[in-house]
All heavy atoms as atom14 arrays in JSON, in Angstrom:
{
  "sequence": "TLEARGLVGRRPRASDLRVREVEITPAGRAAFDSFWPVMFGHYEKM",
  "atom14_mask": [
    [1, 1, 1, 1, 1, 1, 1, 0, 0, 0, 0, 0, 0, 0],
    [1, 1, 1, 1, 1, 1, 1, 1, 0, 0, 0, 0, 0, 0],
    [1, 1, 1, 1, 1, 1, 1, 1, 1, 0, 0, 0, 0, 0],
    [1, 1, 1, 1, 1, 0, 0, 0, 0, 0, 0, 0, 0, 0],
    [1, 1, 1, 1, 1, 1, 1, 1, 1, 1, 1, 0, 0, 0],
    [1, 1, 1, 1, 0, 0, 0, 0, 0, 0, 0, 0, 0, 0],
    [1, 1, 1, 1, 1, 1, 1, 1, 0, 0, 0, 0, 0, 0],
    [1, 1, 1, 1, 1, 1, 1, 0, 0, 0, 0, 0, 0, 0],
    [1, 1, 1, 1, 0, 0, 0, 0, 0, 0, 0, 0, 0, 0],
    [1, 1, 1, 1, 1, 1, 1, 1, 1, 1, 1, 0, 0, 0],
    [1, 1, 1, 1, 1, 1, 1, 1, 1, 1, 1, 0, 0, 0],
    [1, 1, 1, 1, 1, 1, 1, 0, 0, 0, 0, 0, 0, 0],
    [1, 1, 1, 1, 1, 1, 1, 1, 1, 1, 1, 0, 0, 0],
    [1, 1, 1, 1, 1, 0, 0, 0, 0, 0, 0, 0, 0, 0],
    [1, 1, 1, 1, 1, 1, 0, 0, 0, 0, 0, 0, 0, 0],
    [1, 1, 1, 1, 1, 1, 1, 1, 0, 0, 0, 0, 0, 0],
    [1, 1, 1, 1, 1, 1, 1, 1, 0, 0, 0, 0, 0, 0],
    [1, 1, 1, 1, 1, 1, 1, 1, 1, 1, 1, 0, 0, 0],
    [1, 1, 1, 1, 1, 1, 1, 0, 0, 0, 0, 0, 0, 0],
    [1, 1, 1, 1, 1, 1, 1, 1, 1, 1, 1, 0, 0, 0],
    [1, 1, 1, 1, 1, 1, 1, 1, 1, 0, 0, 0, 0, 0],
    [1, 1, 1, 1, 1, 1, 1, 0, 0, 0, 0, 0, 0, 0],
    [1, 1, 1, 1, 1, 1, 1, 1, 1, 0, 0, 0, 0, 0],
    [1, 1, 1, 1, 1, 1, 1, 1, 0, 0, 0, 0, 0, 0],
    [1, 1, 1, 1, 1, 1, 1, 0, 0, 0, 0, 0, 0, 0],
    [1, 1, 1, 1, 1, 1, 1, 0, 0, 0, 0, 0, 0, 0],
    [1, 1, 1, 1, 1, 0, 0, 0, 0, 0, 0, 0, 0, 0],
    [1, 1, 1, 1, 0, 0, 0, 0, 0, 0, 0, 0, 0, 0],
    [1, 1, 1, 1, 1, 1, 1, 1, 1, 1, 1, 0, 0, 0],
    [1, 1, 1, 1, 1, 0, 0, 0, 0, 0, 0, 0, 0, 0],
    [1, 1, 1, 1, 1, 0, 0, 0, 0, 0, 0, 0, 0, 0],
    [1, 1, 1, 1, 1, 1, 1, 1, 1, 1, 1, 0, 0, 0],
    [1, 1, 1, 1, 1, 1, 1, 1, 0, 0, 0, 0, 0, 0],
    [1, 1, 1, 1, 1, 1, 0, 0, 0, 0, 0, 0, 0, 0],
    [1, 1, 1, 1, 1, 1, 1, 1, 1, 1, 1, 0, 0, 0],
    [1, 1, 1, 1, 1, 1, 1, 1, 1, 1, 1, 1, 1, 1],
    [1, 1, 1, 1, 1, 1, 1, 0, 0, 0, 0, 0, 0, 0],
    [1, 1, 1, 1, 1, 1, 1, 0, 0, 0, 0, 0, 0, 0],
    [1, 1, 1, 1, 1, 1, 1, 1, 0, 0, 0, 0, 0, 0],
    [1, 1, 1, 1, 1, 1, 1, 1, 1, 1, 1, 0, 0, 0],
    [1, 1, 1, 1, 0, 0, 0, 0, 0, 0, 0, 0, 0, 0],
    [1, 1, 1, 1, 1, 1, 1, 1, 1, 1, 0, 0, 0, 0],
    [1, 1, 1, 1, 1, 1, 1, 1, 1, 1, 1, 1, 0, 0],
    [1, 1, 1, 1, 1, 1, 1, 1, 1, 0, 0, 0, 0, 0],
    [1, 1, 1, 1, 1, 1, 1, 1, 1, 0, 0, 0, 0, 0],
    [1, 1, 1, 1, 1, 1, 1, 1, 0, 0, 0, 0, 0, 0]
  ],
  "atom14_positions": [
    [[0.82, -1.21, 0.0], [0.0, 0.0, 0.0], [0.86, 1.26, 0.0], [0.61, 2.19, -0.78], [-0.94, 0.01, 1.23], [-1.77, -1.16, 1.18], [-1.81, 1.25, 1.26], [0.0, 0.0, 0.0], [0.0, 0.0, 0.0], [0.0, 0.0, 0.0], [0.0, 0.0, 0.0], [0.0, 0.0, 0.0], [0.0, 0.0, 0.0], [0.0, 0.0, 0.0]],
    [[1.87, 1.28, 0.86], [2.75, 2.46, 0.92], [3.49, 2.67, -0.39], [3.67, 3.81, -0.83], [3.75, 2.31, 2.07], [3.17, 2.42, 3.49], [4.25, 2.11, 4.52], [2.56, 3.8, 3.73], [0.0, 0.0, 0.0], [0.0, 0.0, 0.0], [0.0, 0.0, 0.0], [0.0, 0.0, 0.0], [0.0, 0.0, 0.0], [0.0, 0.0, 0.0]],
    [[3.9, 1.58, -1.03], [4.6, 1.7, -2.32], [3.65, 2.23, -3.39], [4.03, 3.09, -4.19], [5.19, 0.35, -2.71], [6.12, 0.44, -3.91], [6.89, -0.84, -4.14], [6.35, -1.93, -3.84], [8.02, -0.75, -4.65], [0.0, 0.0, 0.0], [0.0, 0.0, 0.0], [0.0, 0.0, 0.0], [0.0, 0.0, 0.0], [0.0, 0.0, 0.0]],
    [[2.42, 1.72, -3.42], [1.44, 2.19, -4.4], [1.15, 3.68, -4.23], [0.87, 4.38, -5.21], [0.15, 1.38, -4.28], [0.0, 0.0, 0.0], [0.0, 0.0, 0.0], [0.0, 0.0, 0.0], [0.0, 0.0, 0.0], [0.0, 0.0, 0.0], [0.0, 0.0, 0.0], [0.0, 0.0, 0.0], [0.0, 0.0, 0.0], [0.0, 0.0, 0.0]],
    [[1.25, 4.17, -2.99], [1.02, 5.59, -2.71], [2.29, 6.43, -2.9], [2.26, 7.65, -2.72], [0.51, 5.76, -1.28], [-0.89, 5.19, -1.1], [-1.37, 5.28, 0.31], [-1.34, 6.65, 0.82], [-1.53, 6.97, 2.1], [-1.78, 6.03, 2.98], [-1.49, 8.22, 2.49], [0.0, 0.0, 0.0], [0.0, 0.0, 0.0], [0.0, 0.0, 0.0]],
    [[3.4, 5.79, -3.24], [4.65, 6.51, -3.46], [5.36, 6.93, -2.19], [6.23, 7.8, -2.23], [0.0, 0.0, 0.0], [0.0, 0.0, 0.0], [0.0, 0.0, 0.0], [0.0, 0.0, 0.0], [0.0, 0.0, 0.0], [0.0, 0.0, 0.0], [0.0, 0.0, 0.0], [0.0, 0.0, 0.0], [0.0, 0.0, 0.0], [0.0, 0.0, 0.0]],
    [[5.02, 6.29, -1.06], [5.63, 6.67, 0.21], [6.87, 5.86, 0.55], [7.69, 6.29, 1.37], [4.59, 6.55, 1.34], [3.32, 7.39, 1.14], [2.36, 7.18, 2.3], [3.65, 8.86, 0.96], [0.0, 0.0, 0.0], [0.0, 0.0, 0.0], [0.0, 0.0, 0.0], [0.0, 0.0, 0.0], [0.0, 0.0, 0.0], [0.0, 0.0, 0.0]],
    [[7.02, 4.69, -0.06], [8.22, 3.88, 0.06], [8.55, 3.29, -1.3], [7.71, 3.26, -2.2], [8.08, 2.72, 1.1], [7.73, 3.25, 2.47], [7.09, 1.67, 0.63], [0.0, 0.0, 0.0], [0.0, 0.0, 0.0], [0.0, 0.0, 0.0], [0.0, 0.0, 0.0], [0.0, 0.0, 0.0], [0.0, 0.0, 0.0], [0.0, 0.0, 0.0]],
    [[9.79, 2.84, -1.43], [10.22, 2.14, -2.63], [11.04, 0.93, -2.23], [11.57, 0.87, -1.11], [0.0, 0.0, 0.0], [0.0, 0.0, 0.0], [0.0, 0.0, 0.0], [0.0, 0.0, 0.0], [0.0, 0.0, 0.0], [0.0, 0.0, 0.0], [0.0, 0.0, 0.0], [0.0, 0.0, 0.0], [0.0, 0.0, 0.0], [0.0, 0.0, 0.0]],
    [[11.1, -0.06, -3.11], [11.89, -1.26, -2.83], [12.94, -1.42, -3.91], [12.69, -1.12, -5.08], [11.0, -2.5, -2.79], [9.95, -2.43, -1.71], [9.16, -3.71, -1.67], [7.74, -3.42, -1.62], [6.81, -4.25, -1.21], [7.13, -5.45, -0.81], [5.55, -3.91, -1.2], [0.0, 0.0, 0.0], [0.0, 0.0, 0.0], [0.0, 0.0, 0.0]],
    [[14.11, -1.89, -3.49], [15.2, -2.12, -4.45], [16.03, -3.31, -3.98], [16.07, -3.62, -2.79], [16.06, -0.88, -4.59], [16.79, -0.49, -3.33], [17.76, 0.66, -3.59], [18.25, 1.23, -2.36], [19.15, 0.66, -1.55], [19.65, -0.5, -1.85], [19.54, 1.26, -0.45], [0.0, 0.0, 0.0], [0.0, 0.0, 0.0], [0.0, 0.0, 0.0]],
    [[16.7, -3.97, -4.92], [17.58, -5.08, -4.51], [18.75, -4.56, -3.68], [19.27, -3.47, -3.94], [18.07, -5.65, -5.84], [17.15, -5.11, -6.88], [16.62, -3.81, -6.36], [0.0, 0.0, 0.0], [0.0, 0.0, 0.0], [0.0, 0.0, 0.0], [0.0, 0.0, 0.0], [0.0, 0.0, 0.0], [0.0, 0.0, 0.0], [0.0, 0.0, 0.0]],
    [[19.15, -5.34, -2.69], [20.31, -5.0, -1.87], [21.57, -5.21, -2.71], [21.72, -6.23, -3.37], [20.34, -5.89, -0.62], [21.53, -5.58, 0.3], [21.41, -6.31, 1.6], [20.55, -5.52, 2.5], [20.09, -5.95, 3.65], [20.37, -7.16, 4.08], [19.33, -5.18, 4.4], [0.0, 0.0, 0.0], [0.0, 0.0, 0.0], [0.0, 0.0, 0.0]],
    [[22.46, -4.25, -2.68], [23.67, -4.29, -3.51], [24.51, -5.54, -3.24], [25.05, -6.14, -4.17], [24.5, -3.03, -3.3], [0.0, 0.0, 0.0], [0.0, 0.0, 0.0], [0.0, 0.0, 0.0], [0.0, 0.0, 0.0], [0.0, 0.0, 0.0], [0.0, 0.0, 0.0], [0.0, 0.0, 0.0], [0.0, 0.0, 0.0], [0.0, 0.0, 0.0]],
    [[24.6, -5.95, -1.99], [25.44, -7.09, -1.62], [24.77, -8.44, -1.89], [25.44, -9.47, -1.89], [25.85, -7.0, -0.15], [24.69, -7.04, 0.67], [0.0, 0.0, 0.0], [0.0, 0.0, 0.0], [0.0, 0.0, 0.0], [0.0, 0.0, 0.0], [0.0, 0.0, 0.0], [0.0, 0.0, 0.0], [0.0, 0.0, 0.0], [0.0, 0.0, 0.0]],
    [[23.45, -8.45, -2.1], [22.72, -9.69, -2.35], [21.44, -9.34, -3.09], [20.45, -8.92, -2.48], [22.4, -10.4, -1.03], [21.76, -11.75, -1.21], [21.34, -12.08, -2.36], [21.65, -12.49, -0.22], [0.0, 0.0, 0.0], [0.0, 0.0, 0.0], [0.0, 0.0, 0.0], [0.0, 0.0, 0.0], [0.0, 0.0, 0.0], [0.0, 0.0, 0.0]],
    [[21.45, -9.52, -4.4], [20.33, -9.09, -5.24], [19.04, -9.85, -4.95], [17.97, -9.43, -5.38], [20.7, -9.22, -6.72], [21.89, -8.36, -7.17], [22.19, -8.59, -8.64], [21.61, -6.89, -6.9], [0.0, 0.0, 0.0], [0.0, 0.0, 0.0], [0.0, 0.0, 0.0], [0.0, 0.0, 0.0], [0.0, 0.0, 0.0], [0.0, 0.0, 0.0]],
    [[19.11, -10.94, -4.2], [17.9, -11.68, -3.84], [17.12, -10.97, -2.73], [15.94, -11.21, -2.55], [18.25, -13.09, -3.36], [18.92, -13.95, -4.43], [19.46, -15.21, -3.82], [20.52, -14.82, -2.85], [21.13, -15.65, -2.05], [20.83, -16.94, -2.05], [22.08, -15.24, -1.22], [0.0, 0.0, 0.0], [0.0, 0.0, 0.0], [0.0, 0.0, 0.0]],
    [[17.8, -10.12, -1.99], [17.2, -9.41, -0.86], [16.73, -8.04, -1.32], [17.45, -7.31, -1.99], [18.22, -9.25, 0.3], [17.63, -8.45, 1.45], [18.7, -10.61, 0.76], [0.0, 0.0, 0.0], [0.0, 0.0, 0.0], [0.0, 0.0, 0.0], [0.0, 0.0, 0.0], [0.0, 0.0, 0.0], [0.0, 0.0, 0.0], [0.0, 0.0, 0.0]],
    [[15.48, -7.7, -0.94], [14.93, -6.39, -1.3], [14.9, -5.5, -0.07], [14.47, -5.92, 1.0], [13.55, -6.54, -1.9], [13.62, -7.45, -3.1], [12.59, -7.36, -4.14], [11.76, -6.2, -4.21], [11.69, -5.43, -5.29], [12.44, -5.68, -6.34], [10.85, -4.44, -5.33], [0.0, 0.0, 0.0], [0.0, 0.0, 0.0], [0.0, 0.0, 0.0]],
    [[15.4, -4.29, -0.25], [15.4, -3.3, 0.82], [14.28, -2.3, 0.58], [13.95, -1.98, -0.56], [16.73, -2.54, 0.85], [17.91, -3.4, 1.21], [19.21, -2.63, 1.24], [19.34, -1.61, 0.51], [20.1, -3.04, 1.99], [0.0, 0.0, 0.0], [0.0, 0.0, 0.0], [0.0, 0.0, 0.0], [0.0, 0.0, 0.0], [0.0, 0.0, 0.0]],
    [[13.72, -1.82, 1.66], [12.64, -0.83, 1.6], [13.22, 0.51, 2.02], [13.9, 0.61, 3.04], [11.47, -1.22, 2.52], [10.34, -0.21, 2.4], [10.99, -2.63, 2.22], [0.0, 0.0, 0.0], [0.0, 0.0, 0.0], [0.0, 0.0, 0.0], [0.0, 0.0, 0.0], [0.0, 0.0, 0.0], [0.0, 0.0, 0.0], [0.0, 0.0, 0.0]],
    [[12.93, 1.53, 1.23], [13.41, 2.88, 1.53], [12.24, 3.83, 1.57], [11.29, 3.72, 0.78], [14.4, 3.35, 0.47], [15.7, 2.57, 0.47], [16.72, 3.17, -0.48], [16.33, 3.69, -1.53], [17.92, 3.1, -0.15], [0.0, 0.0, 0.0], [0.0, 0.0, 0.0], [0.0, 0.0, 0.0], [0.0, 0.0, 0.0], [0.0, 0.0, 0.0]],
    [[12.32, 4.8, 2.47], [11.3, 5.84, 2.53], [11.57, 6.84, 1.41], [12.73, 7.14, 1.09], [11.28, 6.52, 3.92], [10.02, 7.36, 4.1], [12.56, 7.3, 4.18], [9.8, 7.81, 5.54], [0.0, 0.0, 0.0], [0.0, 0.0, 0.0], [0.0, 0.0, 0.0], [0.0, 0.0, 0.0], [0.0, 0.0, 0.0], [0.0, 0.0, 0.0]],
    [[10.53, 7.33, 0.77], [10.66, 8.33, -0.29], [10.48, 9.72, 0.34], [10.02, 9.84, 1.49], [9.59, 8.13, -1.36], [8.3, 8.36, -0.76], [9.66, 6.73, -1.98], [0.0, 0.0, 0.0], [0.0, 0.0, 0.0], [0.0, 0.0, 0.0], [0.0, 0.0, 0.0], [0.0, 0.0, 0.0], [0.0, 0.0, 0.0], [0.0, 0.0, 0.0]],
    [[10.81, 10.76, -0.41], [10.54, 12.11, 0.11], [9.06, 12.31, 0.48], [8.75, 12.94, 1.49], [10.98, 13.03, -1.03], [12.08, 12.25, -1.71], [11.61, 10.82, -1.66], [0.0, 0.0, 0.0], [0.0, 0.0, 0.0], [0.0, 0.0, 0.0], [0.0, 0.0, 0.0], [0.0, 0.0, 0.0], [0.0, 0.0, 0.0], [0.0, 0.0, 0.0]],
    [[8.16, 11.74, -0.3], [6.73, 11.84, 0.01], [6.4, 11.1, 1.31], [5.57, 11.55, 2.11], [5.88, 11.3, -1.14], [0.0, 0.0, 0.0], [0.0, 0.0, 0.0], [0.0, 0.0, 0.0], [0.0, 0.0, 0.0], [0.0, 0.0, 0.0], [0.0, 0.0, 0.0], [0.0, 0.0, 0.0], [0.0, 0.0, 0.0], [0.0, 0.0, 0.0]],
    [[7.05, 9.96, 1.52], [6.86, 9.2, 2.75], [7.37, 9.95, 3.97], [6.73, 9.99, 5.03], [0.0, 0.0, 0.0], [0.0, 0.0, 0.0], [0.0, 0.0, 0.0], [0.0, 0.0, 0.0], [0.0, 0.0, 0.0], [0.0, 0.0, 0.0], [0.0, 0.0, 0.0], [0.0, 0.0, 0.0], [0.0, 0.0, 0.0], [0.0, 0.0, 0.0]],
    [[8.51, 10.58, 3.8], [9.07, 11.39, 4.91], [8.14, 12.57, 5.21], [7.89, 12.89, 6.37], [10.46, 11.88, 4.55], [11.17, 12.54, 5.71], [12.63, 12.79, 5.43], [13.38, 11.59, 5.14], [13.8, 10.7, 6.04], [13.5, 10.89, 7.31], [14.49, 9.64, 5.68], [0.0, 0.0, 0.0], [0.0, 0.0, 0.0], [0.0, 0.0, 0.0]],
    [[7.6, 13.19, 4.17], [6.68, 14.32, 4.38], [5.42, 13.85, 5.08], [4.9, 14.55, 5.97], [6.34, 14.96, 3.04], [0.0, 0.0, 0.0], [0.0, 0.0, 0.0], [0.0, 0.0, 0.0], [0.0, 0.0, 0.0], [0.0, 0.0, 0.0], [0.0, 0.0, 0.0], [0.0, 0.0, 0.0], [0.0, 0.0, 0.0], [0.0, 0.0, 0.0]],
    [[4.91, 12.67, 4.73], [3.72, 12.13, 5.38], [3.98, 11.89, 6.86], [3.17, 12.27, 7.71], [3.27, 10.83, 4.7], [0.0, 0.0, 0.0], [0.0, 0.0, 0.0], [0.0, 0.0, 0.0], [0.0, 0.0, 0.0], [0.0, 0.0, 0.0], [0.0, 0.0, 0.0], [0.0, 0.0, 0.0], [0.0, 0.0, 0.0], [0.0, 0.0, 0.0]],
    [[5.12, 11.29, 7.16], [5.44, 11.05, 8.57], [5.67, 12.37, 9.29], [5.19, 12.56, 10.41], [6.65, 10.14, 8.75], [6.93, 9.89, 10.2], [6.14, 9.01, 10.93], [7.94, 10.56, 10.86], [6.35, 8.81, 12.29], [8.17, 10.37, 12.21], [7.37, 9.48, 12.92], [0.0, 0.0, 0.0], [0.0, 0.0, 0.0], [0.0, 0.0, 0.0]],
    [[6.4, 13.29, 8.68], [6.67, 14.58, 9.31], [5.38, 15.34, 9.62], [5.31, 16.06, 10.62], [7.58, 15.44, 8.43], [9.02, 14.93, 8.4], [9.38, 14.07, 9.24], [9.78, 15.4, 7.53], [0.0, 0.0, 0.0], [0.0, 0.0, 0.0], [0.0, 0.0, 0.0], [0.0, 0.0, 0.0], [0.0, 0.0, 0.0], [0.0, 0.0, 0.0]],
    [[4.37, 15.16, 8.79], [3.1, 15.86, 9.06], [2.39, 15.25, 10.26], [1.68, 15.94, 10.98], [2.2, 15.84, 7.82], [1.74, 14.53, 7.55], [0.0, 0.0, 0.0], [0.0, 0.0, 0.0], [0.0, 0.0, 0.0], [0.0, 0.0, 0.0], [0.0, 0.0, 0.0], [0.0, 0.0, 0.0], [0.0, 0.0, 0.0], [0.0, 0.0, 0.0]],
    [[2.56, 13.95, 10.48], [1.9, 13.28, 11.6], [2.71, 13.35, 12.89], [2.14, 13.29, 13.97], [1.61, 11.82, 11.25], [0.91, 11.1, 12.36], [-0.4, 11.43, 12.67], [1.54, 10.15, 13.13], [-1.06, 10.82, 13.72], [0.9, 9.53, 14.18], [-0.41, 9.86, 14.47], [0.0, 0.0, 0.0], [0.0, 0.0, 0.0], [0.0, 0.0, 0.0]],
    [[4.02, 13.48, 12.78], [4.9, 13.44, 13.96], [4.45, 14.38, 15.08], [4.41, 13.96, 16.24], [6.35, 13.7, 13.56], [7.24, 13.86, 14.75], [7.86, 14.99, 15.15], [7.59, 12.85, 15.71], [8.59, 14.77, 16.31], [8.43, 13.45, 16.67], [7.26, 11.51, 15.86], [8.95, 12.77, 17.75], [7.78, 10.82, 16.94], [8.62, 11.44, 17.88]],
    [[4.1, 15.64, 14.83], [3.69, 16.51, 15.94], [2.49, 15.96, 16.71], [2.42, 16.09, 17.93], [3.36, 17.84, 15.27], [4.14, 17.82, 13.99], [4.17, 16.39, 13.56], [0.0, 0.0, 0.0], [0.0, 0.0, 0.0], [0.0, 0.0, 0.0], [0.0, 0.0, 0.0], [0.0, 0.0, 0.0], [0.0, 0.0, 0.0], [0.0, 0.0, 0.0]],
    [[1.55, 15.34, 16.02], [0.38, 14.76, 16.68], [0.83, 13.59, 17.57], [0.43, 13.49, 18.73], [-0.65, 14.29, 15.63], [-1.81, 13.55, 16.3], [-1.16, 15.47, 14.82], [0.0, 0.0, 0.0], [0.0, 0.0, 0.0], [0.0, 0.0, 0.0], [0.0, 0.0, 0.0], [0.0, 0.0, 0.0], [0.0, 0.0, 0.0], [0.0, 0.0, 0.0]],
    [[1.66, 12.72, 17.01], [2.13, 11.56, 17.76], [2.95, 12.01, 18.97], [2.77, 11.49, 20.07], [2.97, 10.65, 16.86], [3.28, 9.31, 17.5], [3.91, 8.13, 16.32], [5.64, 8.49, 16.39], [0.0, 0.0, 0.0], [0.0, 0.0, 0.0], [0.0, 0.0, 0.0], [0.0, 0.0, 0.0], [0.0, 0.0, 0.0], [0.0, 0.0, 0.0]],
    [[3.83, 12.97, 18.78], [4.66, 13.45, 19.89], [3.81, 14.12, 20.96], [4.09, 13.99, 22.15], [5.76, 14.38, 19.38], [6.79, 14.68, 20.43], [7.68, 13.71, 20.84], [6.84, 15.93, 21.03], [8.62, 13.97, 21.83], [7.78, 16.2, 22.01], [8.67, 15.22, 22.41], [0.0, 0.0, 0.0], [0.0, 0.0, 0.0], [0.0, 0.0, 0.0]],
    [[2.74, 14.8, 20.55], [1.83, 15.4, 21.52], [1.19, 14.34, 22.41], [1.08, 14.52, 23.63], [0.0, 0.0, 0.0], [0.0, 0.0, 0.0], [0.0, 0.0, 0.0], [0.0, 0.0, 0.0], [0.0, 0.0, 0.0], [0.0, 0.0, 0.0], [0.0, 0.0, 0.0], [0.0, 0.0, 0.0], [0.0, 0.0, 0.0], [0.0, 0.0, 0.0]],
    [[0.79, 13.22, 21.82], [0.23, 12.11, 22.61], [1.3, 11.54, 23.55], [0.99, 11.19, 24.69], [-0.3, 11.01, 21.69], [-1.64, 11.3, 21.11], [-2.81, 10.87, 21.69], [-2.01, 12.01, 20.02], [-3.83, 11.28, 20.97], [-3.37, 11.98, 19.94], [0.0, 0.0, 0.0], [0.0, 0.0, 0.0], [0.0, 0.0, 0.0], [0.0, 0.0, 0.0]],
    [[2.5, 11.44, 23.05], [3.62, 10.92, 23.85], [3.86, 11.81, 25.07], [4.0, 11.32, 26.19], [4.86, 10.87, 22.96], [6.12, 10.38, 23.62], [6.36, 9.02, 23.76], [7.07, 11.28, 24.07], [7.54, 8.57, 24.35], [8.24, 10.84, 24.65], [8.47, 9.48, 24.79], [9.63, 9.04, 25.37], [0.0, 0.0, 0.0], [0.0, 0.0, 0.0]],
    [[3.87, 13.12, 24.84], [4.09, 14.05, 25.96], [2.97, 13.96, 26.99], [3.23, 14.0, 28.2], [4.2, 15.49, 25.44], [5.51, 15.76, 24.74], [5.61, 17.18, 24.24], [4.63, 17.7, 23.66], [6.67, 17.79, 24.45], [0.0, 0.0, 0.0], [0.0, 0.0, 0.0], [0.0, 0.0, 0.0], [0.0, 0.0, 0.0], [0.0, 0.0, 0.0]],
    [[1.73, 13.82, 26.55], [0.61, 13.68, 27.48], [0.74, 12.4, 28.3], [0.43, 12.38, 29.49], [-0.71, 13.66, 26.72], [-1.12, 15.0, 26.17], [-2.4, 14.88, 25.37], [-2.66, 16.13, 24.57], [-3.76, 15.96, 23.63], [0.0, 0.0, 0.0], [0.0, 0.0, 0.0], [0.0, 0.0, 0.0], [0.0, 0.0, 0.0], [0.0, 0.0, 0.0]],
    [[1.22, 11.34, 27.67], [1.35, 10.06, 28.35], [2.35, 10.16, 29.51], [2.17, 9.51, 30.54], [1.8, 8.98, 27.35], [1.83, 7.59, 27.93], [1.97, 6.27, 26.69], [3.52, 6.63, 25.9], [0.0, 0.0, 0.0], [0.0, 0.0, 0.0], [0.0, 0.0, 0.0], [0.0, 0.0, 0.0], [0.0, 0.0, 0.0], [0.0, 0.0, 0.0]]
  ]
}
């Protein structure tokens, strides 16, 4: 789902092409950054 939305991408690992690594995209980082203040606010209240 995240990949279809452009929030993460997958690529083969350089040291072993059978292994796929997941990377956050700039859009994924922006999505998390927009939510982080809300999550941190809950954390502080806790």
